[in-house]
């Protein structure tokens, strides 16, 4: 009987250790900047991949970026209909990093009310995941050259104030990629997307915030 009790105690201890040693899962939600357009080899240089390396073995980071997507459900390609959106739920992440809005700045997509309504709906939807994940909201990186309708003026006057309101309403932390990625035009070859160095700098900023 004593041997049985000892074996049972060992098994319980091993089970608890196994549960406690599971890596923290981080889901990176975003558009082409998250996916890794312009970084070269996405599987090596996209910011979520670099972030995974920076955070170490205690974390597993998933890249759920999808090019051309919008936060707005009324945009020309809503993130909501992309398979990556469903994949977030499949991984049951502990942390979700949201960086969506660059494609929303296109004149035919931009509507601040719809952007905020969609953002709130996404937060509410992600909060249905059990256990409830911690959500970080990201300011957009600067737009160094207006292209495809994407522009910095809407980022400054529209998107960032909207994110501020959403963050305050939901008591969520903000990662300031706009300030953090200033004066780095050389790392944005087309003025919109960071190259591998820009992606690395993004990962550094995000890793610092997640590690606090």
Protein backbone atom coordinates (compact mmCIF):
# COMPACT_ATOMS: atom_id res chain seq x y z
CA UNK A 1 0.00 0.00 0.00
CA UNK A 2 2.84 2.35 0.86
CA UNK A 3 4.46 1.67 -2.52
CA UNK A 4 1.18 2.41 -4.24
CA UNK A 5 0.84 5.70 -2.38
CA UNK A 6 4.41 6.63 -3.24
CA UNK A 7 3.90 5.84 -6.92
CA UNK A 8 0.65 7.80 -6.96
CA UNK A 9 2.37 10.81 -5.38
CA UNK A 10 5.16 10.64 -7.96
CA UNK A 11 2.67 10.52 -10.83
CA UNK A 12 0.73 13.48 -9.45
CA UNK A 13 3.94 15.48 -9.05
CA UNK A 14 4.99 14.67 -12.61
CA UNK A 15 1.58 15.68 -13.94
CA UNK A 16 1.68 18.98 -12.09
CA UNK A 17 5.20 19.67 -13.31
CA UNK A 18 4.19 18.85 -16.85
CA UNK A 19 1.27 21.27 -16.67
CA UNK A 20 3.34 24.03 -15.15
CA UNK A 21 6.10 23.69 -17.73
CA UNK A 22 3.90 24.24 -20.76
CA UNK A 23 5.16 27.17 -22.85
CA UNK A 24 3.18 30.40 -22.93
CA UNK A 25 1.41 30.60 -26.28
CA UNK A 26 1.45 33.95 -28.08
CA UNK A 27 -0.77 34.63 -31.11
CA UNK A 28 0.31 37.51 -33.36
CA UNK A 29 -2.71 38.89 -35.21
CA UNK A 30 -2.10 41.26 -38.10
CA UNK A 31 -1.74 41.96 -41.79
CA UNK A 32 1.20 41.70 -44.20
CA UNK A 33 3.51 43.49 -41.76
CA UNK A 34 2.93 40.66 -39.30
CA UNK A 35 2.95 37.97 -41.98
CA UNK A 36 6.36 39.14 -43.13
CA UNK A 37 6.01 40.73 -46.55
CA UNK A 38 9.38 42.29 -47.58
CA UNK A 39 11.42 40.55 -44.86
CA UNK A 40 12.94 38.00 -47.24
CA UNK A 41 12.25 34.52 -45.87
CA UNK A 42 9.12 34.82 -43.74
CA UNK A 43 9.78 31.60 -41.85
CA UNK A 44 13.04 33.09 -40.59
CA UNK A 45 12.61 36.86 -40.46
CA UNK A 46 8.93 37.76 -39.90
CA UNK A 47 8.61 39.57 -36.58
CA UNK A 48 6.66 36.74 -34.83
CA UNK A 49 9.43 34.28 -35.75
CA UNK A 50 12.10 36.60 -34.38
CA UNK A 51 9.96 37.25 -31.31
CA UNK A 52 9.75 33.51 -30.70
CA UNK A 53 13.54 33.30 -30.61
CA UNK A 54 13.86 36.33 -28.35
CA UNK A 55 11.36 35.11 -25.78
CA UNK A 56 13.03 31.72 -25.49
CA UNK A 57 11.85 28.24 -24.62
CA UNK A 58 9.18 29.40 -22.19
CA UNK A 59 7.14 30.82 -25.09
CA UNK A 60 5.71 29.59 -28.38
CA UNK A 61 4.80 32.38 -30.81
CA UNK A 62 2.38 31.85 -33.69
CA UNK A 63 2.32 34.03 -36.81
CA UNK A 64 -1.30 34.67 -37.72
CA UNK A 65 -0.64 37.57 -40.06
CA UNK A 66 -2.59 37.73 -43.33
CA UNK A 67 -1.68 40.16 -46.08
CA UNK A 68 -4.11 42.90 -47.13
CA UNK A 69 -6.53 42.37 -44.25
CA UNK A 70 -8.43 45.05 -42.37
CA UNK A 71 -9.71 45.23 -38.83
CA UNK A 72 -12.98 46.64 -40.12
CA UNK A 73 -15.58 44.02 -40.97
CA UNK A 74 -16.68 46.39 -43.73
CA UNK A 75 -13.22 46.62 -45.31
CA UNK A 76 -12.22 45.16 -48.66
CA UNK A 77 -10.62 42.11 -46.97
CA UNK A 78 -11.66 41.75 -43.32
CA UNK A 79 -9.32 39.73 -41.11
CA UNK A 80 -12.49 38.13 -39.81
CA UNK A 81 -12.93 36.01 -42.95
CA UNK A 82 -9.30 34.86 -43.14
CA UNK A 83 -8.39 31.35 -41.95
CA UNK A 84 -5.83 32.91 -39.62
CA UNK A 85 -8.67 34.32 -37.53
CA UNK A 86 -10.01 30.81 -36.92
CA UNK A 87 -6.49 29.55 -36.23
CA UNK A 88 -6.20 31.91 -33.27
CA UNK A 89 -9.00 30.04 -31.50
CA UNK A 90 -7.56 26.65 -32.42
CA UNK A 91 -4.32 27.40 -30.55
CA UNK A 92 -6.04 28.70 -27.37
CA UNK A 93 -3.32 31.32 -26.82
CA UNK A 94 -2.37 32.78 -23.47
CA UNK A 95 -1.44 36.11 -25.07
CA UNK A 96 -2.77 37.81 -28.20
CA UNK A 97 -0.93 40.69 -29.86
CA UNK A 98 -3.17 42.67 -32.24
CA UNK A 99 -1.70 44.91 -34.93
CA UNK A 100 -4.38 45.69 -37.47
CA UNK A 101 -5.29 48.97 -39.13
CA UNK A 102 -2.72 49.74 -41.82
CA UNK A 103 -5.05 48.65 -44.63
CA UNK A 104 -7.94 50.38 -42.89
CA UNK A 105 -6.24 53.72 -43.62
CA UNK A 106 -6.99 53.36 -47.34
CA UNK A 107 -9.60 56.05 -48.15
CA UNK A 108 -12.18 53.54 -49.38
CA UNK A 109 -11.78 51.49 -46.16
CA UNK A 110 -11.45 54.15 -43.49
CA UNK A 111 -14.42 54.66 -41.20
CA UNK A 112 -13.50 55.35 -37.60
CA UNK A 113 -16.84 54.21 -36.18
CA UNK A 114 -16.70 50.90 -38.01
CA UNK A 115 -13.03 50.44 -37.14
CA UNK A 116 -13.74 50.89 -33.43
CA UNK A 117 -16.85 48.75 -33.54
CA UNK A 118 -14.95 45.93 -35.24
CA UNK A 119 -12.00 46.27 -32.86
CA UNK A 120 -14.29 46.00 -29.84
CA UNK A 121 -16.02 42.99 -31.37
CA UNK A 122 -12.66 41.28 -31.95
CA UNK A 123 -11.61 41.84 -28.34
CA UNK A 124 -14.95 40.52 -27.09
CA UNK A 125 -14.65 37.49 -29.36
CA UNK A 126 -11.09 36.70 -28.27
CA UNK A 127 -12.19 36.99 -24.65
CA UNK A 128 -14.48 33.98 -25.19
CA UNK A 129 -11.36 31.81 -25.36
CA UNK A 130 -10.93 29.71 -22.20
CA UNK A 131 -8.85 30.49 -20.29
CA UNK A 132 -9.19 34.16 -21.18
CA UNK A 133 -6.03 35.40 -22.95
CA UNK A 134 -4.20 38.61 -22.14
CA UNK A 135 -4.54 40.99 -25.08
CA UNK A 136 -2.02 43.61 -26.17
CA UNK A 137 -2.99 46.33 -28.66
CA UNK A 138 -0.32 47.72 -30.96
CA UNK A 139 -0.08 51.17 -32.43
CA UNK A 140 0.73 50.87 -36.12
CA UNK A 141 4.26 51.34 -37.36
CA UNK A 142 4.81 54.64 -39.22
CA UNK A 143 3.91 54.91 -42.89
CA UNK A 144 7.00 56.38 -44.55
CA UNK A 145 5.48 56.71 -48.02
CA UNK A 146 1.84 56.90 -49.05
CA UNK A 147 1.18 53.88 -51.22
CA UNK A 148 -1.96 51.96 -52.26
CA UNK A 149 -3.91 54.57 -50.31
CA UNK A 150 -2.16 53.64 -47.05
CA UNK A 151 -1.14 56.90 -45.37
CA UNK A 152 0.44 58.18 -42.19
CA UNK A 153 -1.99 61.05 -41.61
CA UNK A 154 -4.86 58.61 -41.00
CA UNK A 155 -2.63 56.55 -38.73
CA UNK A 156 -1.91 59.63 -36.60
CA UNK A 157 -5.30 61.34 -36.62
CA UNK A 158 -7.56 58.30 -36.87
CA UNK A 159 -6.17 54.90 -35.97
CA UNK A 160 -4.01 55.76 -32.95
CA UNK A 161 -6.73 57.83 -31.18
CA UNK A 162 -9.20 55.01 -31.86
CA UNK A 163 -6.84 52.45 -30.32
CA UNK A 164 -6.38 54.73 -27.31
CA UNK A 165 -10.13 54.77 -26.72
CA UNK A 166 -10.46 51.02 -27.15
CA UNK A 167 -7.54 50.35 -24.80
CA UNK A 168 -8.96 52.66 -22.14
CA UNK A 169 -12.43 51.18 -22.39
CA UNK A 170 -11.12 47.63 -22.01
CA UNK A 171 -8.20 48.39 -19.68
CA UNK A 172 -5.74 46.79 -22.11
CA UNK A 173 -2.02 47.56 -22.57
CA UNK A 174 -0.70 49.31 -25.67
CA UNK A 175 2.59 48.53 -27.39
CA UNK A 176 3.80 51.76 -29.00
CA UNK A 177 5.28 50.61 -32.29
CA UNK A 178 4.67 54.02 -33.85
CA UNK A 179 7.10 55.81 -31.57
CA UNK A 180 9.42 52.83 -31.34
CA UNK A 181 9.80 52.56 -35.12
CA UNK A 182 10.37 56.26 -35.80
CA UNK A 183 13.36 57.38 -37.91
CA UNK A 184 13.69 54.00 -39.58
CA UNK A 185 12.72 54.78 -43.16
CA UNK A 186 15.80 52.87 -44.30
CA UNK A 187 14.21 49.71 -42.87
CA UNK A 188 10.99 50.18 -44.86
CA UNK A 189 11.95 49.57 -48.52
CA UNK A 190 8.51 50.38 -49.93
CA UNK A 191 7.60 52.88 -47.21
CA UNK A 192 5.01 50.51 -45.71
CA UNK A 193 6.57 47.14 -44.89
CA UNK A 194 9.63 46.63 -42.70
CA UNK A 195 12.54 44.59 -43.99
CA UNK A 196 14.21 41.94 -41.83
CA UNK A 197 15.93 44.61 -39.72
CA UNK A 198 12.70 46.51 -39.20
CA UNK A 199 10.94 43.27 -38.25
CA UNK A 200 13.71 42.53 -35.77
CA UNK A 201 13.28 45.97 -34.21
CA UNK A 202 9.54 45.39 -33.92
CA UNK A 203 10.19 42.08 -32.18
CA UNK A 204 12.55 43.76 -29.71
CA UNK A 205 9.88 46.31 -28.74
CA UNK A 206 7.15 43.69 -28.40
CA UNK A 207 9.36 41.24 -26.48
CA UNK A 208 10.18 43.95 -23.96
CA UNK A 209 6.49 44.62 -23.32
CA UNK A 210 5.51 40.95 -23.09
CA UNK A 211 8.33 40.23 -20.66
CA UNK A 212 7.32 42.90 -18.14
